[in-house]
């Protein structure tokens, strides 16, 4: 990651968190659900690995989320029907994840910056 990219990704992520807070007014953890769901959607694997997901969030958004917090976020994503628990593992529902409008929110935030 270049120096500009290493600065830009967290700024965009923080701006997106602000947008989610302003529009949804849920708790703080819930603001991370769209970003983590996007990492699951774009992952090469159907089975969600928390350490791999942690790295994907860091690479895509420049955010370091503890694994315990990722487990809480994954439970919320499961309640939304975007992933399902199977044999004590999380498996993504690619069709449900495709319906998210993450790119629209992300591009509007980038345009605003």
C-alpha atoms as a PDB file:
ATOM      1  CA  UNK A   1       0.000   0.000   0.000  1.00  0.00           C
ATOM      2  CA  UNK A   2       1.411   3.380  -0.952  1.00  0.00           C
ATOM      3  CA  UNK A   3       1.661   6.197   1.537  1.00  0.00           C
ATOM      4  CA  UNK A   4      -1.248   8.092  -0.085  1.00  0.00           C
ATOM      5  CA  UNK A   5      -3.359   4.929  -0.185  1.00  0.00           C
ATOM      6  CA  UNK A   6      -2.529   4.118   3.432  1.00  0.00           C
ATOM      7  CA  UNK A   7      -3.845   7.553   4.430  1.00  0.00           C
ATOM      8  CA  UNK A   8      -6.817   7.650   2.050  1.00  0.00           C
ATOM      9  CA  UNK A   9      -8.402   4.279   2.941  1.00  0.00           C
ATOM     10  CA  UNK A  10      -8.860   5.075   6.657  1.00  0.00           C
ATOM     11  CA  UNK A  11     -10.183   8.558   5.858  1.00  0.00           C
ATOM     12  CA  UNK A  12     -12.771   7.153   3.488  1.00  0.00           C
ATOM     13  CA  UNK A  13     -13.649   4.481   6.055  1.00  0.00           C
ATOM     14  CA  UNK A  14     -14.125   7.066   8.795  1.00  0.00           C
ATOM     15  CA  UNK A  15     -16.273   9.180   6.474  1.00  0.00           C
ATOM     16  CA  UNK A  16     -18.375   6.104   5.711  1.00  0.00           C
ATOM     17  CA  UNK A  17     -18.773   5.369   9.422  1.00  0.00           C
ATOM     18  CA  UNK A  18     -20.002   8.944   9.871  1.00  0.00           C
ATOM     19  CA  UNK A  19     -22.515   8.525   7.041  1.00  0.00           C
ATOM     20  CA  UNK A  20     -23.803   5.269   8.550  1.00  0.00           C
ATOM     21  CA  UNK A  21     -24.101   6.895  11.974  1.00  0.00           C
ATOM     22  CA  UNK A  22     -25.938   9.921  10.584  1.00  0.00           C
ATOM     23  CA  UNK A  23     -28.396   7.873   8.534  1.00  0.00           C
ATOM     24  CA  UNK A  24     -28.995   4.843  10.756  1.00  0.00           C
ATOM     25  CA  UNK A  25     -28.437   6.076  14.340  1.00  0.00           C
ATOM     26  CA  UNK A  26     -27.873   2.576  15.662  1.00  0.00           C
ATOM     27  CA  UNK A  27     -25.119   1.549  18.035  1.00  0.00           C
ATOM     28  CA  UNK A  28     -21.451   1.974  17.232  1.00  0.00           C
ATOM     29  CA  UNK A  29     -20.768  -1.670  16.342  1.00  0.00           C
ATOM     30  CA  UNK A  30     -23.626  -1.711  13.823  1.00  0.00           C
ATOM     31  CA  UNK A  31     -21.859   0.981  11.788  1.00  0.00           C
ATOM     32  CA  UNK A  32     -19.178  -1.547  10.848  1.00  0.00           C
ATOM     33  CA  UNK A  33     -21.630  -4.134   9.488  1.00  0.00           C
ATOM     34  CA  UNK A  34     -21.705  -2.815   5.881  1.00  0.00           C
ATOM     35  CA  UNK A  35     -17.906  -2.711   5.590  1.00  0.00           C
ATOM     36  CA  UNK A  36     -17.413  -6.184   7.040  1.00  0.00           C
ATOM     37  CA  UNK A  37     -20.241  -7.543   4.873  1.00  0.00           C
ATOM     38  CA  UNK A  38     -18.529  -6.043   1.818  1.00  0.00           C
ATOM     39  CA  UNK A  39     -15.293  -7.829   2.739  1.00  0.00           C
ATOM     40  CA  UNK A  40     -17.220 -11.084   3.041  1.00  0.00           C
ATOM     41  CA  UNK A  41     -18.912 -10.438  -0.323  1.00  0.00           C
ATOM     42  CA  UNK A  42     -15.623  -9.806  -2.118  1.00  0.00           C
ATOM     43  CA  UNK A  43     -13.739 -12.648  -0.424  1.00  0.00           C
ATOM     44  CA  UNK A  44     -12.496 -15.562  -2.486  1.00  0.00           C
ATOM     45  CA  UNK A  45     -13.923 -18.010   0.053  1.00  0.00           C
ATOM     46  CA  UNK A  46     -17.473 -18.953   1.010  1.00  0.00           C
ATOM     47  CA  UNK A  47     -16.491 -19.912   4.555  1.00  0.00           C
ATOM     48  CA  UNK A  48     -15.666 -16.910   6.736  1.00  0.00           C
ATOM     49  CA  UNK A  49     -12.367 -17.103   8.594  1.00  0.00           C
ATOM     50  CA  UNK A  50     -12.126 -14.460  11.304  1.00  0.00           C
ATOM     51  CA  UNK A  51      -8.329 -13.968  10.980  1.00  0.00           C
ATOM     52  CA  UNK A  52      -8.624 -13.696   7.187  1.00  0.00           C
ATOM     53  CA  UNK A  53     -11.593 -11.352   7.526  1.00  0.00           C
ATOM     54  CA  UNK A  54      -9.625  -9.225   9.974  1.00  0.00           C
ATOM     55  CA  UNK A  55      -6.868  -8.876   7.372  1.00  0.00           C
ATOM     56  CA  UNK A  56      -9.346  -8.111   4.578  1.00  0.00           C
ATOM     57  CA  UNK A  57     -10.931  -5.310   6.623  1.00  0.00           C
ATOM     58  CA  UNK A  58      -7.492  -3.888   7.308  1.00  0.00           C
ATOM     59  CA  UNK A  59      -6.472  -4.100   3.636  1.00  0.00           C
ATOM     60  CA  UNK A  60      -9.716  -2.740   2.209  1.00  0.00           C
ATOM     61  CA  UNK A  61     -10.508  -0.071   4.799  1.00  0.00           C
ATOM     62  CA  UNK A  62      -7.355   0.541   6.790  1.00  0.00           C
ATOM     63  CA  UNK A  63      -9.139  -0.424  10.010  1.00  0.00           C
ATOM     64  CA  UNK A  64      -7.840  -2.813  12.662  1.00  0.00           C
ATOM     65  CA  UNK A  65     -10.804  -4.558  14.227  1.00  0.00           C
ATOM     66  CA  UNK A  66     -10.199  -7.000  17.093  1.00  0.00           C
ATOM     67  CA  UNK A  67     -11.356 -10.563  16.469  1.00  0.00           C
ATOM     68  CA  UNK A  68     -13.833 -10.423  19.346  1.00  0.00           C
ATOM     69  CA  UNK A  69     -15.502  -7.386  17.767  1.00  0.00           C
ATOM     70  CA  UNK A  70     -15.570  -9.163  14.404  1.00  0.00           C
ATOM     71  CA  UNK A  71     -17.450 -12.049  16.034  1.00  0.00           C
ATOM     72  CA  UNK A  72     -20.067  -9.607  17.330  1.00  0.00           C
ATOM     73  CA  UNK A  73     -20.341  -8.017  13.872  1.00  0.00           C
ATOM     74  CA  UNK A  74     -20.626 -11.474  12.250  1.00  0.00           C
ATOM     75  CA  UNK A  75     -23.533 -12.313  14.566  1.00  0.00           C
ATOM     76  CA  UNK A  76     -25.298  -9.163  13.392  1.00  0.00           C
ATOM     77  CA  UNK A  77     -24.574  -9.969   9.759  1.00  0.00           C
ATOM     78  CA  UNK A  78     -26.035 -13.444  10.348  1.00  0.00           C
ATOM     79  CA  UNK A  79     -29.209 -11.913  11.826  1.00  0.00           C
ATOM     80  CA  UNK A  80     -29.545  -9.912   8.592  1.00  0.00           C
ATOM     81  CA  UNK A  81     -29.420 -13.158   6.595  1.00  0.00           C
ATOM     82  CA  UNK A  82     -26.187 -12.266   4.780  1.00  0.00           C
ATOM     83  CA  UNK A  83     -24.312 -15.240   6.227  1.00  0.00           C
ATOM     84  CA  UNK A  84     -25.489 -18.403   7.941  1.00  0.00           C
ATOM     85  CA  UNK A  85     -24.019 -20.535  10.658  1.00  0.00           C
ATOM     86  CA  UNK A  86     -23.303 -24.099   9.618  1.00  0.00           C
ATOM     87  CA  UNK A  87     -21.373 -26.602  11.734  1.00  0.00           C
ATOM     88  CA  UNK A  88     -20.024 -23.792  13.954  1.00  0.00           C
ATOM     89  CA  UNK A  89     -18.743 -21.910  10.888  1.00  0.00           C
ATOM     90  CA  UNK A  90     -20.105 -18.912   9.040  1.00  0.00           C
ATOM     91  CA  UNK A  91     -20.893 -19.411   5.361  1.00  0.00           C
ATOM     92  CA  UNK A  92     -21.753 -16.451   3.167  1.00  0.00           C
ATOM     93  CA  UNK A  93     -24.995 -16.105   1.235  1.00  0.00           C
ATOM     94  CA  UNK A  94     -23.646 -14.616  -1.978  1.00  0.00           C
ATOM     95  CA  UNK A  95     -27.096 -13.729  -3.346  1.00  0.00           C
ATOM     96  CA  UNK A  96     -28.044 -11.782  -0.220  1.00  0.00           C
ATOM     97  CA  UNK A  97     -24.660 -10.032  -0.142  1.00  0.00           C
ATOM     98  CA  UNK A  98     -25.058  -8.980  -3.790  1.00  0.00           C
ATOM     99  CA  UNK A  99     -28.166  -6.995  -2.844  1.00  0.00           C
ATOM    100  CA  UNK A 100     -26.219  -4.642  -0.590  1.00  0.00           C
ATOM    101  CA  UNK A 101     -25.709  -1.158  -1.969  1.00  0.00           C
ATOM    102  CA  UNK A 102     -22.242  -0.722  -0.519  1.00  0.00           C
ATOM    103  CA  UNK A 103     -20.643   0.566  -3.732  1.00  0.00           C
ATOM    104  CA  UNK A 104     -23.267   3.319  -3.996  1.00  0.00           C
ATOM    105  CA  UNK A 105     -22.560   4.594  -0.488  1.00  0.00           C
ATOM    106  CA  UNK A 106     -18.812   4.265  -0.959  1.00  0.00           C
ATOM    107  CA  UNK A 107     -18.777   6.162  -4.255  1.00  0.00           C
ATOM    108  CA  UNK A 108     -20.957   8.955  -2.840  1.00  0.00           C
ATOM    109  CA  UNK A 109     -18.609   9.331   0.134  1.00  0.00           C
ATOM    110  CA  UNK A 110     -15.557   9.392  -2.152  1.00  0.00           C
ATOM    111  CA  UNK A 111     -17.225  12.017  -4.369  1.00  0.00           C
ATOM    112  CA  UNK A 112     -18.064  14.092  -1.290  1.00  0.00           C
ATOM    113  CA  UNK A 113     -14.433  14.025  -0.108  1.00  0.00           C
END
